PDB file of N, CA and C in Angstrom:
ATOM      1  N   MET A   1     -57.192  29.499 -29.571  1.00  0.00           N
ATOM      2  CA  MET A   1     -56.384  29.678 -28.379  1.00  0.00           C
ATOM      3  C   MET A   1     -56.638  31.075 -27.802  1.00  0.00           C
ATOM      4  N   ASP A   2     -56.706  31.145 -26.488  1.00  0.00           N
ATOM      5  CA  ASP A   2     -56.960  32.415 -25.822  1.00  0.00           C
ATOM      6  C   ASP A   2     -55.730  33.312 -25.844  1.00  0.00           C
ATOM      7  N   LEU A   3     -55.990  34.593 -25.961  1.00  0.00           N
ATOM      8  CA  LEU A   3     -54.912  35.573 -25.887  1.00  0.00           C
ATOM      9  C   LEU A   3     -54.533  35.789 -24.420  1.00  0.00           C
ATOM     10  N   ILE A   4     -53.250  36.002 -24.183  1.00  0.00           N
ATOM     11  CA  ILE A   4     -52.816  36.304 -22.830  1.00  0.00           C
ATOM     12  C   ILE A   4     -52.557  37.806 -22.722  1.00  0.00           C
ATOM     13  N   ILE A   5     -52.616  38.314 -21.519  1.00  0.00           N
ATOM     14  CA  ILE A   5     -52.308  39.715 -21.253  1.00  0.00           C
ATOM     15  C   ILE A   5     -50.826  39.808 -20.925  1.00  0.00           C
ATOM     16  N   TYR A   6     -50.138  40.683 -21.619  1.00  0.00           N
ATOM     17  CA  TYR A   6     -48.711  40.876 -21.396  1.00  0.00           C
ATOM     18  C   TYR A   6     -48.457  42.356 -21.104  1.00  0.00           C
ATOM     19  N   TRP A   7     -47.928  42.636 -19.925  1.00  0.00           N
ATOM     20  CA  TRP A   7     -47.577  43.995 -19.541  1.00  0.00           C
ATOM     21  C   TRP A   7     -46.114  44.227 -19.909  1.00  0.00           C
ATOM     22  N   THR A   8     -45.847  45.238 -20.731  1.00  0.00           N
ATOM     23  CA  THR A   8     -44.459  45.570 -21.053  1.00  0.00           C
ATOM     24  C   THR A   8     -43.792  46.125 -19.794  1.00  0.00           C
ATOM     25  N   ASP A   9     -42.479  46.120 -19.787  1.00  0.00           N
ATOM     26  CA  ASP A   9     -41.752  46.690 -18.655  1.00  0.00           C
ATOM     27  C   ASP A   9     -42.124  48.157 -18.456  1.00  0.00           C
ATOM     28  N   PHE A  10     -42.285  48.873 -19.573  1.00  0.00           N
ATOM     29  CA  PHE A  10     -42.649  50.287 -19.483  1.00  0.00           C
ATOM     30  C   PHE A  10     -44.008  50.457 -18.814  1.00  0.00           C
ATOM     31  N   SER A  11     -44.993  49.666 -19.227  1.00  0.00           N
ATOM     32  CA  SER A  11     -46.337  49.806 -18.654  1.00  0.00           C
ATOM     33  C   SER A  11     -46.362  49.394 -17.184  1.00  0.00           C
ATOM     34  N   LYS A  12     -45.587  48.372 -16.822  1.00  0.00           N
ATOM     35  CA  LYS A  12     -45.505  47.980 -15.405  1.00  0.00           C
ATOM     36  C   LYS A  12     -44.892  49.105 -14.579  1.00  0.00           C
ATOM     37  N   ASN A  13     -43.893  49.753 -15.142  1.00  0.00           N
ATOM     38  CA  ASN A  13     -43.250  50.861 -14.439  1.00  0.00           C
ATOM     39  C   ASN A  13     -44.223  52.030 -14.258  1.00  0.00           C
ATOM     40  N   GLU A  14     -45.018  52.317 -15.277  1.00  0.00           N
ATOM     41  CA  GLU A  14     -46.008  53.386 -15.174  1.00  0.00           C
ATOM     42  C   GLU A  14     -47.050  53.061 -14.095  1.00  0.00           C
ATOM     43  N   LEU A  15     -47.462  51.809 -14.023  1.00  0.00           N
ATOM     44  CA  LEU A  15     -48.418  51.380 -13.010  1.00  0.00           C
ATOM     45  C   LEU A  15     -47.826  51.540 -11.607  1.00  0.00           C
ATOM     46  N   LYS A  16     -46.559  51.209 -11.453  1.00  0.00           N
ATOM     47  CA  LYS A  16     -45.880  51.396 -10.163  1.00  0.00           C
ATOM     48  C   LYS A  16     -45.818  52.873  -9.787  1.00  0.00           C
ATOM     49  N   LYS A  17     -45.549  53.733 -10.764  1.00  0.00           N
ATOM     50  CA  LYS A  17     -45.512  55.177 -10.508  1.00  0.00           C
ATOM     51  C   LYS A  17     -46.874  55.675 -10.026  1.00  0.00           C
ATOM     52  N   ILE A  18     -47.932  55.199 -10.663  1.00  0.00           N
ATOM     53  CA  ILE A  18     -49.291  55.583 -10.272  1.00  0.00           C
ATOM     54  C   ILE A  18     -49.557  55.139  -8.839  1.00  0.00           C
ATOM     55  N   PHE A  19     -49.218  53.888  -8.546  1.00  0.00           N
ATOM     56  CA  PHE A  19     -49.425  53.362  -7.199  1.00  0.00           C
ATOM     57  C   PHE A  19     -48.661  54.202  -6.170  1.00  0.00           C
ATOM     58  N   ASN A  20     -47.394  54.444  -6.423  1.00  0.00           N
ATOM     59  CA  ASN A  20     -46.568  55.189  -5.469  1.00  0.00           C
ATOM     60  C   ASN A  20     -47.056  56.616  -5.274  1.00  0.00           C
ATOM     61  N   PHE A  21     -47.525  57.244  -6.347  1.00  0.00           N
ATOM     62  CA  PHE A  21     -48.044  58.605  -6.241  1.00  0.00           C
ATOM     63  C   PHE A  21     -49.268  58.641  -5.320  1.00  0.00           C
ATOM     64  N   TYR A  22     -50.229  57.755  -5.582  1.00  0.00           N
ATOM     65  CA  TYR A  22     -51.455  57.768  -4.772  1.00  0.00           C
ATOM     66  C   TYR A  22     -51.219  57.260  -3.356  1.00  0.00           C
ATOM     67  N   LYS A  23     -50.259  56.399  -3.189  1.00  0.00           N
ATOM     68  CA  LYS A  23     -49.905  55.944  -1.842  1.00  0.00           C
ATOM     69  C   LYS A  23     -49.396  57.126  -1.021  1.00  0.00           C
ATOM     70  N   LYS A  24     -48.589  57.969  -1.648  1.00  0.00           N
ATOM     71  CA  LYS A  24     -48.021  59.138  -0.967  1.00  0.00           C
ATOM     72  C   LYS A  24     -49.062  60.245  -0.780  1.00  0.00           C
ATOM     73  N   GLU A  25     -49.821  60.538  -1.842  1.00  0.00           N
ATOM     74  CA  GLU A  25     -50.753  61.670  -1.821  1.00  0.00           C
ATOM     75  C   GLU A  25     -52.081  61.361  -1.130  1.00  0.00           C
ATOM     76  N   ALA A  26     -52.480  60.102  -1.141  1.00  0.00           N
ATOM     77  CA  ALA A  26     -53.746  59.710  -0.495  1.00  0.00           C
ATOM     78  C   ALA A  26     -53.415  58.672   0.578  1.00  0.00           C
ATOM     79  N   ASN A  27     -53.514  57.421   0.221  1.00  0.00           N
ATOM     80  CA  ASN A  27     -53.107  56.338   1.125  1.00  0.00           C
ATOM     81  C   ASN A  27     -52.998  55.041   0.330  1.00  0.00           C
ATOM     82  N   GLN A  28     -52.523  54.009   0.979  1.00  0.00           N
ATOM     83  CA  GLN A  28     -52.281  52.740   0.299  1.00  0.00           C
ATOM     84  C   GLN A  28     -53.572  52.123  -0.238  1.00  0.00           C
ATOM     85  N   ASN A  29     -54.674  52.262   0.491  1.00  0.00           N
ATOM     86  CA  ASN A  29     -55.938  51.683   0.027  1.00  0.00           C
ATOM     87  C   ASN A  29     -56.412  52.340  -1.275  1.00  0.00           C
ATOM     88  N   VAL A  30     -56.270  53.650  -1.366  1.00  0.00           N
ATOM     89  CA  VAL A  30     -56.654  54.363  -2.592  1.00  0.00           C
ATOM     90  C   VAL A  30     -55.766  53.912  -3.746  1.00  0.00           C
ATOM     91  N   ALA A  31     -54.461  53.844  -3.486  1.00  0.00           N
ATOM     92  CA  ALA A  31     -53.510  53.428  -4.523  1.00  0.00           C
ATOM     93  C   ALA A  31     -53.814  52.015  -5.002  1.00  0.00           C
ATOM     94  N   LYS A  32     -54.049  51.132  -4.073  1.00  0.00           N
ATOM     95  CA  LYS A  32     -54.336  49.733  -4.414  1.00  0.00           C
ATOM     96  C   LYS A  32     -55.639  49.616  -5.206  1.00  0.00           C
ATOM     97  N   SER A  33     -56.652  50.345  -4.788  1.00  0.00           N
ATOM     98  CA  SER A  33     -57.944  50.311  -5.471  1.00  0.00           C
ATOM     99  C   SER A  33     -57.815  50.788  -6.918  1.00  0.00           C
ATOM    100  N   LEU A  34     -57.041  51.844  -7.142  1.00  0.00           N
ATOM    101  CA  LEU A  34     -56.858  52.366  -8.493  1.00  0.00           C
ATOM    102  C   LEU A  34     -56.125  51.365  -9.378  1.00  0.00           C
ATOM    103  N   VAL A  35     -55.060  50.786  -8.874  1.00  0.00           N
ATOM    104  CA  VAL A  35     -54.285  49.822  -9.661  1.00  0.00           C
ATOM    105  C   VAL A  35     -55.113  48.570  -9.949  1.00  0.00           C
ATOM    106  N   ILE A  36     -55.873  48.112  -8.988  1.00  0.00           N
ATOM    107  CA  ILE A  36     -56.754  46.954  -9.214  1.00  0.00           C
ATOM    108  C   ILE A  36     -57.816  47.292 -10.265  1.00  0.00           C
ATOM    109  N   GLY A  37     -58.340  48.500 -10.213  1.00  0.00           N
ATOM    110  CA  GLY A  37     -59.323  48.932 -11.217  1.00  0.00           C
ATOM    111  C   GLY A  37     -58.750  48.936 -12.623  1.00  0.00           C
ATOM    112  N   ILE A  38     -57.523  49.408 -12.756  1.00  0.00           N
ATOM    113  CA  ILE A  38     -56.854  49.406 -14.060  1.00  0.00           C
ATOM    114  C   ILE A  38     -56.658  47.969 -14.539  1.00  0.00           C
ATOM    115  N   ALA A  39     -56.196  47.103 -13.647  1.00  0.00           N
ATOM    116  CA  ALA A  39     -55.979  45.691 -14.004  1.00  0.00           C
ATOM    117  C   ALA A  39     -57.283  45.014 -14.396  1.00  0.00           C
ATOM    118  N   ASN A  40     -58.364  45.308 -13.693  1.00  0.00           N
ATOM    119  CA  ASN A  40     -59.668  44.718 -14.029  1.00  0.00           C
ATOM    120  C   ASN A  40     -60.151  45.192 -15.392  1.00  0.00           C
ATOM    121  N   GLU A  41     -59.887  46.451 -15.714  1.00  0.00           N
ATOM    122  CA  GLU A  41     -60.264  46.974 -17.024  1.00  0.00           C
ATOM    123  C   GLU A  41     -59.497  46.229 -18.123  1.00  0.00           C
ATOM    124  N   VAL A  42     -58.215  46.002 -17.883  1.00  0.00           N
ATOM    125  CA  VAL A  42     -57.379  45.271 -18.841  1.00  0.00           C
ATOM    126  C   VAL A  42     -57.886  43.846 -19.037  1.00  0.00           C
ATOM    127  N   ASN A  43     -58.342  43.217 -17.975  1.00  0.00           N
ATOM    128  CA  ASN A  43     -58.817  41.832 -18.072  1.00  0.00           C
ATOM    129  C   ASN A  43     -60.014  41.677 -19.000  1.00  0.00           C
ATOM    130  N   LYS A  44     -60.754  42.747 -19.241  1.00  0.00           N
ATOM    131  CA  LYS A  44     -61.878  42.712 -20.190  1.00  0.00           C
ATOM    132  C   LYS A  44     -61.399  42.378 -21.602  1.00  0.00           C
ATOM    133  N   LEU A  45     -60.141  42.700 -21.871  1.00  0.00           N
ATOM    134  CA  LEU A  45     -59.593  42.483 -23.210  1.00  0.00           C
ATOM    135  C   LEU A  45     -59.460  41.010 -23.572  1.00  0.00           C
ATOM    136  N   LYS A  46     -59.382  40.142 -22.581  1.00  0.00           N
ATOM    137  CA  LYS A  46     -59.258  38.703 -22.866  1.00  0.00           C
ATOM    138  C   LYS A  46     -60.425  38.206 -23.715  1.00  0.00           C
ATOM    139  N   ASN A  47     -61.622  38.686 -23.411  1.00  0.00           N
ATOM    140  CA  ASN A  47     -62.808  38.256 -24.153  1.00  0.00           C
ATOM    141  C   ASN A  47     -63.151  39.162 -25.327  1.00  0.00           C
ATOM    142  N   HIS A  48     -62.693  40.407 -25.274  1.00  0.00           N
ATOM    143  CA  HIS A  48     -63.027  41.383 -26.313  1.00  0.00           C
ATOM    144  C   HIS A  48     -61.792  42.226 -26.643  1.00  0.00           C
ATOM    145  N   PRO A  49     -60.823  41.658 -27.336  1.00  0.00           N
ATOM    146  CA  PRO A  49     -59.558  42.366 -27.561  1.00  0.00           C
ATOM    147  C   PRO A  49     -59.665  43.637 -28.409  1.00  0.00           C
ATOM    148  N   LYS A  50     -60.693  43.772 -29.189  1.00  0.00           N
ATOM    149  CA  LYS A  50     -60.838  44.955 -30.050  1.00  0.00           C
ATOM    150  C   LYS A  50     -61.840  45.963 -29.473  1.00  0.00           C
ATOM    151  N   ILE A  51     -62.156  45.833 -28.196  1.00  0.00           N
ATOM    152  CA  ILE A  51     -63.155  46.701 -27.574  1.00  0.00           C
ATOM    153  C   ILE A  51     -62.713  48.155 -27.513  1.00  0.00           C
ATOM    154  N   GLY A  52     -61.421  48.389 -27.416  1.00  0.00           N
ATOM    155  CA  GLY A  52     -60.913  49.747 -27.303  1.00  0.00           C
ATOM    156  C   GLY A  52     -60.938  50.502 -28.619  1.00  0.00           C
ATOM    157  N   GLN A  53     -61.004  51.816 -28.506  1.00  0.00           N
ATOM    158  CA  GLN A  53     -60.943  52.669 -29.691  1.00  0.00           C
ATOM    159  C   GLN A  53     -59.504  52.744 -30.190  1.00  0.00           C
ATOM    160  N   GLN A  54     -59.341  53.034 -31.466  1.00  0.00           N
ATOM    161  CA  GLN A  54     -58.005  53.205 -32.010  1.00  0.00           C
ATOM    162  C   GLN A  54     -57.402  54.497 -31.484  1.00  0.00           C
ATOM    163  N   GLU A  55     -56.119  54.445 -31.150  1.00  0.00           N
ATOM    164  CA  GLU A  55     -55.413  55.617 -30.633  1.00  0.00           C
ATOM    165  C   GLU A  55     -54.883  56.421 -31.810  1.00  0.00           C
ATOM    166  N   GLU A  56     -55.552  57.522 -32.097  1.00  0.00           N
ATOM    167  CA  GLU A  56     -55.208  58.354 -33.254  1.00  0.00           C
ATOM    168  C   GLU A  56     -53.805  58.957 -33.138  1.00  0.00           C
ATOM    169  N   LEU A  57     -53.369  59.261 -31.926  1.00  0.00           N
ATOM    170  CA  LEU A  57     -52.052  59.872 -31.753  1.00  0.00           C
ATOM    171  C   LEU A  57     -50.913  58.920 -32.104  1.00  0.00           C
ATOM    172  N   LEU A  58     -51.210  57.625 -32.147  1.00  0.00           N
ATOM    173  CA  LEU A  58     -50.191  56.628 -32.488  1.00  0.00           C
ATOM    174  C   LEU A  58     -50.505  55.930 -33.807  1.00  0.00           C
ATOM    175  N   ALA A  59     -51.339  56.541 -34.619  1.00  0.00           N
ATOM    176  CA  ALA A  59     -51.784  55.929 -35.873  1.00  0.00           C
ATOM    177  C   ALA A  59     -50.649  55.722 -36.866  1.00  0.00           C
ATOM    178  N   SER A  60     -49.581  56.480 -36.752  1.00  0.00           N
ATOM    179  CA  SER A  60     -48.466  56.333 -37.688  1.00  0.00           C
ATOM    180  C   SER A  60     -47.623  55.087 -37.394  1.00  0.00           C
ATOM    181  N   ASP A  61     -47.824  54.469 -36.246  1.00  0.00           N
ATOM    182  CA  ASP A  61     -47.094  53.258 -35.893  1.00  0.00           C
ATOM    183  C   ASP A  61     -47.690  52.066 -36.635  1.00  0.00           C
ATOM    184  N   ILE A  62     -46.869  51.093 -36.949  1.00  0.00           N
ATOM    185  CA  ILE A  62     -47.328  49.902 -37.664  1.00  0.00           C
ATOM    186  C   ILE A  62     -48.304  49.066 -36.827  1.00  0.00           C
ATOM    187  N   ARG A  63     -48.152  49.146 -35.518  1.00  0.00           N
ATOM    188  CA  ARG A  63     -49.057  48.407 -34.625  1.00  0.00           C
ATOM    189  C   ARG A  63     -50.395  49.136 -34.533  1.00  0.00           C
ATOM    190  N   ASP A  64     -51.456  48.380 -34.404  1.00  0.00           N
ATOM    191  CA  ASP A  64     -52.801  48.936 -34.292  1.00  0.00           C
ATOM    192  C   ASP A  64     -53.083  49.238 -32.817  1.00  0.00           C
ATOM    193  N   PHE A  65     -52.595  50.394 -32.357  1.00  0.00           N
ATOM    194  CA  PHE A  65     -52.788  50.752 -30.954  1.00  0.00           C
ATOM    195  C   PHE A  65     -54.234  51.125 -30.694  1.00  0.00           C
ATOM    196  N   ARG A  66     -54.729  50.620 -29.585  1.00  0.00           N
ATOM    197  CA  ARG A  66     -56.075  50.907 -29.111  1.00  0.00           C
ATOM    198  C   ARG A  66     -55.968  51.339 -27.663  1.00  0.00           C
ATOM    199  N   TYR A  67     -57.083  51.811 -27.121  1.00  0.00           N
ATOM    200  CA  TYR A  67     -57.045  52.194 -25.717  1.00  0.00           C
ATOM    201  C   TYR A  67     -58.382  51.978 -25.026  1.00  0.00           C
ATOM    202  N   LEU A  68     -58.279  51.776 -23.736  1.00  0.00           N
ATOM    203  CA  LEU A  68     -59.417  51.773 -22.827  1.00  0.00           C
ATOM    204  C   LEU A  68     -59.198  52.932 -21.873  1.00  0.00           C
ATOM    205  N   VAL A  69     -60.268  53.427 -21.291  1.00  0.00           N
ATOM    206  CA  VAL A  69     -60.142  54.499 -20.306  1.00  0.00           C
ATOM    207  C   VAL A  69     -60.659  53.997 -18.969  1.00  0.00           C
ATOM    208  N   PHE A  70     -59.859  54.223 -17.940  1.00  0.00           N
ATOM    209  CA  PHE A  70     -60.288  53.956 -16.573  1.00  0.00           C
ATOM    210  C   PHE A  70     -59.953  55.192 -15.757  1.00  0.00           C
ATOM    211  N   ARG A  71     -60.978  55.833 -15.251  1.00  0.00           N
ATOM    212  CA  ARG A  71     -60.842  57.110 -14.543  1.00  0.00           C
ATOM    213  C   ARG A  71     -60.054  58.088 -15.397  1.00  0.00           C
ATOM    214  N   ASN A  72     -58.898  58.542 -14.937  1.00  0.00           N
ATOM    215  CA  ASN A  72     -58.107  59.517 -15.704  1.00  0.00           C
ATOM    216  C   ASN A  72     -56.994  58.869 -16.513  1.00  0.00           C
ATOM    217  N   TYR A  73     -57.064  57.581 -16.733  1.00  0.00           N
ATOM    218  CA  TYR A  73     -55.956  56.872 -17.373  1.00  0.00           C
ATOM    219  C   TYR A  73     -56.381  56.204 -18.670  1.00  0.00           C
ATOM    220  N   LYS A  74     -55.533  56.372 -19.680  1.00  0.00           N
ATOM    221  CA  LYS A  74     -55.679  55.655 -20.942  1.00  0.00           C
ATOM    222  C   LYS A  74     -54.782  54.436 -20.857  1.00  0.00           C
ATOM    223  N   ILE A  75     -55.351  53.289 -21.100  1.00  0.00           N
ATOM    224  CA  ILE A  75     -54.594  52.043 -21.132  1.00  0.00           C
ATOM    225  C   ILE A  75     -54.357  51.738 -22.603  1.00  0.00           C
ATOM    226  N   ILE A  76     -53.134  51.952 -23.049  1.00  0.00           N
ATOM    227  CA  ILE A  76     -52.784  51.796 -24.455  1.00  0.00           C
ATOM    228  C   ILE A  76     -52.316  50.359 -24.680  1.00  0.00           C
ATOM    229  N   TYR A  77     -52.873  49.692 -25.689  1.00  0.00           N
ATOM    230  CA  TYR A  77     -52.522  48.295 -25.953  1.00  0.00           C
ATOM    231  C   TYR A  77     -52.600  48.002 -27.440  1.00  0.00           C
ATOM    232  N   TRP A  78     -52.093  46.852 -27.799  1.00  0.00           N
ATOM    233  CA  TRP A  78     -52.256  46.345 -29.163  1.00  0.00           C
ATOM    234  C   TRP A  78     -52.301  44.824 -29.098  1.00  0.00           C
ATOM    235  N   VAL A  79     -52.938  44.231 -30.082  1.00  0.00           N
ATOM    236  CA  VAL A  79     -53.050  42.774 -30.157  1.00  0.00           C
ATOM    237  C   VAL A  79     -51.886  42.262 -31.000  1.00  0.00           C
ATOM    238  N   ASN A  80     -51.009  41.527 -30.363  1.00  0.00           N
ATOM    239  CA  ASN A  80     -49.848  40.941 -31.034  1.00  0.00           C
ATOM    240  C   ASN A  80     -50.220  39.507 -31.402  1.00  0.00           C
ATOM    241  N   SER A  81     -50.767  39.337 -32.586  1.00  0.00           N
ATOM    242  CA  SER A  81     -51.240  38.022 -33.036  1.00  0.00           C
ATOM    243  C   SER A  81     -50.098  37.025 -33.181  1.00  0.00           C
ATOM    244  N   ALA A  82     -48.932  37.489 -33.562  1.00  0.00           N
ATOM    245  CA  ALA A  82     -47.781  36.595 -33.737  1.00  0.00           C
ATOM    246  C   ALA A  82     -47.391  35.930 -32.419  1.00  0.00           C
ATOM    247  N   GLU A  83     -47.543  36.662 -31.327  1.00  0.00           N
ATOM    248  CA  GLU A  83     -47.199  36.133 -29.998  1.00  0.00           C
ATOM    249  C   GLU A  83     -48.429  35.642 -29.238  1.00  0.00           C
ATOM    250  N   ASN A  84     -49.594  35.774 -29.850  1.00  0.00           N
ATOM    251  CA  ASN A  84     -50.856  35.353 -29.247  1.00  0.00           C
ATOM    252  C   ASN A  84     -51.110  36.059 -27.906  1.00  0.00           C
ATOM    253  N   ARG A  85     -50.906  37.387 -27.923  1.00  0.00           N
ATOM    254  CA  ARG A  85     -51.085  38.120 -26.675  1.00  0.00           C
ATOM    255  C   ARG A  85     -51.555  39.547 -26.927  1.00  0.00           C
ATOM    256  N   ILE A  86     -52.104  40.119 -25.883  1.00  0.00           N
ATOM    257  CA  ILE A  86     -52.490  41.521 -25.857  1.00  0.00           C
ATOM    258  C   ILE A  86     -51.407  42.234 -25.065  1.00  0.00           C
ATOM    259  N   GLU A  87     -50.710  43.148 -25.719  1.00  0.00           N
ATOM    260  CA  GLU A  87     -49.597  43.831 -25.062  1.00  0.00           C
ATOM    261  C   GLU A  87     -50.045  45.186 -24.531  1.00  0.00           C
ATOM    262  N   ILE A  88     -49.933  45.345 -23.229  1.00  0.00           N
ATOM    263  CA  ILE A  88     -50.235  46.626 -22.605  1.00  0.00           C
ATOM    264  C   ILE A  88     -48.990  47.490 -22.787  1.00  0.00           C
ATOM    265  N   PHE A  89     -49.131  48.521 -23.584  1.00  0.00           N
ATOM    266  CA  PHE A  89     -48.017  49.356 -24.005  1.00  0.00           C
ATOM    267  C   PHE A  89     -47.742  50.495 -23.025  1.00  0.00           C
ATOM    268  N   ASP A  90     -48.812  51.087 -22.492  1.00  0.00           N
ATOM    269  CA  ASP A  90     -48.658  52.257 -21.631  1.00  0.00           C
ATOM    270  C   ASP A  90     -49.922  52.449 -20.800  1.00  0.00           C
ATOM    271  N   VAL A  91     -49.756  53.089 -19.658  1.00  0.00           N
ATOM    272  CA  VAL A  91     -50.879  53.575 -18.859  1.00  0.00           C
ATOM    273  C   VAL A  91     -50.614  55.069 -18.727  1.00  0.00           C
ATOM    274  N   PHE A  92     -51.398  55.866 -19.437  1.00  0.00           N
ATOM    275  CA  PHE A  92     -51.116  57.291 -19.614  1.00  0.00           C
ATOM    276  C   PHE A  92     -52.165  58.138 -18.917  1.00  0.00           C
ATOM    277  N   ASP A  93     -51.718  59.073 -18.108  1.00  0.00           N
ATOM    278  CA  ASP A  93     -52.616  59.990 -17.408  1.00  0.00           C
ATOM    279  C   ASP A  93     -53.165  61.001 -18.417  1.00  0.00           C
ATOM    280  N   THR A  94     -54.462  60.993 -18.607  1.00  0.00           N
ATOM    281  CA  THR A  94     -55.086  61.853 -19.614  1.00  0.00           C
ATOM    282  C   THR A  94     -55.062  63.330 -19.238  1.00  0.00           C
ATOM    283  N   ARG A  95     -54.655  63.643 -18.022  1.00  0.00           N
ATOM    284  CA  ARG A  95     -54.543  65.045 -17.621  1.00  0.00           C
ATOM    285  C   ARG A  95     -53.234  65.662 -18.117  1.00  0.00           C
ATOM    286  N   ARG A  96     -52.368  64.849 -18.664  1.00  0.00           N
ATOM    287  CA  ARG A  96     -51.107  65.339 -19.218  1.00  0.00           C
ATOM    288  C   ARG A  96     -51.329  65.801 -20.658  1.00  0.00           C
ATOM    289  N   ASN A  97     -50.366  66.513 -21.179  1.00  0.00           N
ATOM    290  CA  ASN A  97     -50.410  66.973 -22.561  1.00  0.00           C
ATOM    291  C   ASN A  97     -50.403  65.748 -23.482  1.00  0.00           C
ATOM    292  N   PRO A  98     -51.387  65.606 -24.353  1.00  0.00           N
ATOM    293  CA  PRO A  98     -51.460  64.417 -25.212  1.00  0.00           C
ATOM    294  C   PRO A  98     -50.246  64.213 -26.117  1.00  0.00           C
ATOM    295  N   THR A  99     -49.551  65.274 -26.463  1.00  0.00           N
ATOM    296  CA  THR A  99     -48.375  65.101 -27.311  1.00  0.00           C
ATOM    297  C   THR A  99     -47.280  64.328 -26.600  1.00  0.00           C
ATOM    298  N   LYS A 100     -47.319  64.288 -25.274  1.00  0.00           N
ATOM    299  CA  LYS A 100     -46.324  63.505 -24.525  1.00  0.00           C
ATOM    300  C   LYS A 100     -46.511  62.016 -24.770  1.00  0.00           C
ATOM    301  N   LEU A 101     -47.723  61.605 -25.113  1.00  0.00           N
ATOM    302  CA  LEU A 101     -47.971  60.209 -25.442  1.00  0.00           C
ATOM    303  C   LEU A 101     -47.185  59.806 -26.691  1.00  0.00           C
ATOM    304  N   VAL A 102     -47.190  60.653 -27.678  1.00  0.00           N
ATOM    305  CA  VAL A 102     -46.477  60.366 -28.927  1.00  0.00           C
ATOM    306  C   VAL A 102     -44.977  60.260 -28.674  1.00  0.00           C
ATOM    307  N   ASN A 103     -44.464  61.072 -27.794  1.00  0.00           N
ATOM    308  CA  ASN A 103     -43.027  61.072 -27.498  1.00  0.00           C
ATOM    309  C   ASN A 103     -42.582  59.870 -26.664  1.00  0.00           C
ATOM    310  N   ARG A 104     -43.508  59.094 -26.162  1.00  0.00           N
ATOM    311  CA  ARG A 104     -43.184  57.961 -25.298  1.00  0.00           C
ATOM    312  C   ARG A 104     -42.935  56.686 -26.080  1.00  0.00           C
ATOM    313  N   LYS A 105     -43.276  56.649 -27.351  1.00  0.00           N
ATOM    314  CA  LYS A 105     -43.192  55.379 -28.074  1.00  0.00           C
ATOM    315  C   LYS A 105     -41.811  54.961 -28.440  1.00  0.00           C
TER     316      LYS A 105
END
């Protein structure tokens, strides 16, 4: 059975923040292009769920967090085999202090 992509409420909210920021600072087309790019990167996980590297900053968590990078964003996810889905946990701006990622869990 194929895994489905599941965006947590937190990750959806982060994506909305990214969109709104770029809509304000650049324009709607730039914001839309960035969000679509992030979504397209996530869609790669359907065929290759373990393609991302392990997220060392979240290694103490029981879940096997991995990440993909798209431009300046880390897409943090884990494969939830019990629910048969890939859960997008966070979309984190890599220009921020990495310790803030640990505090978000």
